[in-house]
């Protein structure tokens, strides 16, 4: 198994996913959530979205291989 698909590692996002958020991406996200965003706010929201994605990407660098989840599912109800 490659290290990029190892337990405790996110393989959904690439490491450089937060590098380039474009204005079109911000418009698409706003449209998907049915949020009316004026054109003058797109640049500010694009920067905020990029910042959030960068913060999330930094969490991907943490090795959680030996860390158990805070809540573990137990299917044996009694």
Protein backbone atom coordinates (compact mmCIF):
# COMPACT_ATOMS: atom_id res chain seq x y z
CA UNK A 1 0.00 0.00 0.00
CA UNK A 2 1.43 3.39 -0.89
CA UNK A 3 1.89 5.96 1.85
CA UNK A 4 -0.56 8.32 0.16
CA UNK A 5 -3.38 5.80 0.77
CA UNK A 6 -2.22 4.71 4.23
CA UNK A 7 -4.63 4.82 7.18
CA UNK A 8 -4.61 8.22 8.82
CA UNK A 9 -3.83 10.01 5.56
CA UNK A 10 -6.34 11.81 3.42
CA UNK A 11 -6.28 10.67 -0.18
CA UNK A 12 -9.24 12.76 -1.23
CA UNK A 13 -7.37 16.06 -1.50
CA UNK A 14 -4.00 16.54 -3.09
CA UNK A 15 -1.35 18.49 -1.19
CA UNK A 16 -1.62 21.41 -3.58
CA UNK A 17 -5.43 21.56 -3.66
CA UNK A 18 -5.52 24.90 -1.83
CA UNK A 19 -2.92 26.57 -4.04
CA UNK A 20 -5.20 28.01 -6.67
CA UNK A 21 -8.78 28.86 -5.90
CA UNK A 22 -10.15 30.81 -8.81
CA UNK A 23 -13.02 33.28 -8.92
CA UNK A 24 -14.96 30.81 -11.08
CA UNK A 25 -14.67 28.21 -8.30
CA UNK A 26 -16.07 30.71 -5.80
CA UNK A 27 -18.96 31.51 -8.12
CA UNK A 28 -19.66 27.80 -8.57
CA UNK A 29 -19.67 27.14 -4.82
CA UNK A 30 -21.99 30.10 -4.26
CA UNK A 31 -24.32 28.85 -6.99
CA UNK A 32 -24.32 25.30 -5.55
CA UNK A 33 -25.42 26.67 -2.18
CA UNK A 34 -27.87 29.12 -3.77
CA UNK A 35 -26.04 32.09 -2.26
CA UNK A 36 -26.42 35.39 -4.06
CA UNK A 37 -22.89 36.86 -4.16
CA UNK A 38 -22.34 40.25 -5.76
CA UNK A 39 -19.42 40.46 -8.20
CA UNK A 40 -17.61 42.95 -5.95
CA UNK A 41 -17.45 40.31 -3.17
CA UNK A 42 -16.07 37.46 -5.30
CA UNK A 43 -12.40 38.45 -4.84
CA UNK A 44 -12.73 38.62 -1.04
CA UNK A 45 -14.62 35.31 -0.89
CA UNK A 46 -12.08 33.66 -3.20
CA UNK A 47 -9.27 34.66 -0.83
CA UNK A 48 -11.26 33.40 2.17
CA UNK A 49 -12.01 30.07 0.47
CA UNK A 50 -8.34 29.63 -0.43
CA UNK A 51 -7.36 30.37 3.16
CA UNK A 52 -9.81 27.79 4.52
CA UNK A 53 -8.61 25.13 2.09
CA UNK A 54 -4.99 25.86 3.04
CA UNK A 55 -5.83 25.40 6.72
CA UNK A 56 -7.54 22.09 5.99
CA UNK A 57 -4.62 20.95 3.83
CA UNK A 58 -2.22 21.62 6.71
CA UNK A 59 -4.21 19.11 8.79
CA UNK A 60 -3.54 16.46 6.15
CA UNK A 61 0.16 16.62 7.02
CA UNK A 62 -0.53 15.22 10.50
CA UNK A 63 0.22 11.50 10.80
CA UNK A 64 -2.81 9.90 12.50
CA UNK A 65 -1.85 6.30 11.79
CA UNK A 66 -1.74 5.27 15.48
CA UNK A 67 -4.55 7.55 16.68
CA UNK A 68 -7.97 6.06 17.36
CA UNK A 69 -11.09 8.12 16.67
CA UNK A 70 -12.68 9.86 19.65
CA UNK A 71 -15.86 7.88 19.02
CA UNK A 72 -15.72 4.25 17.99
CA UNK A 73 -18.72 2.46 16.53
CA UNK A 74 -19.86 -0.68 18.34
CA UNK A 75 -22.57 -2.59 16.49
CA UNK A 76 -23.30 -4.92 19.40
CA UNK A 77 -26.21 -3.22 21.14
CA UNK A 78 -27.45 -5.08 24.16
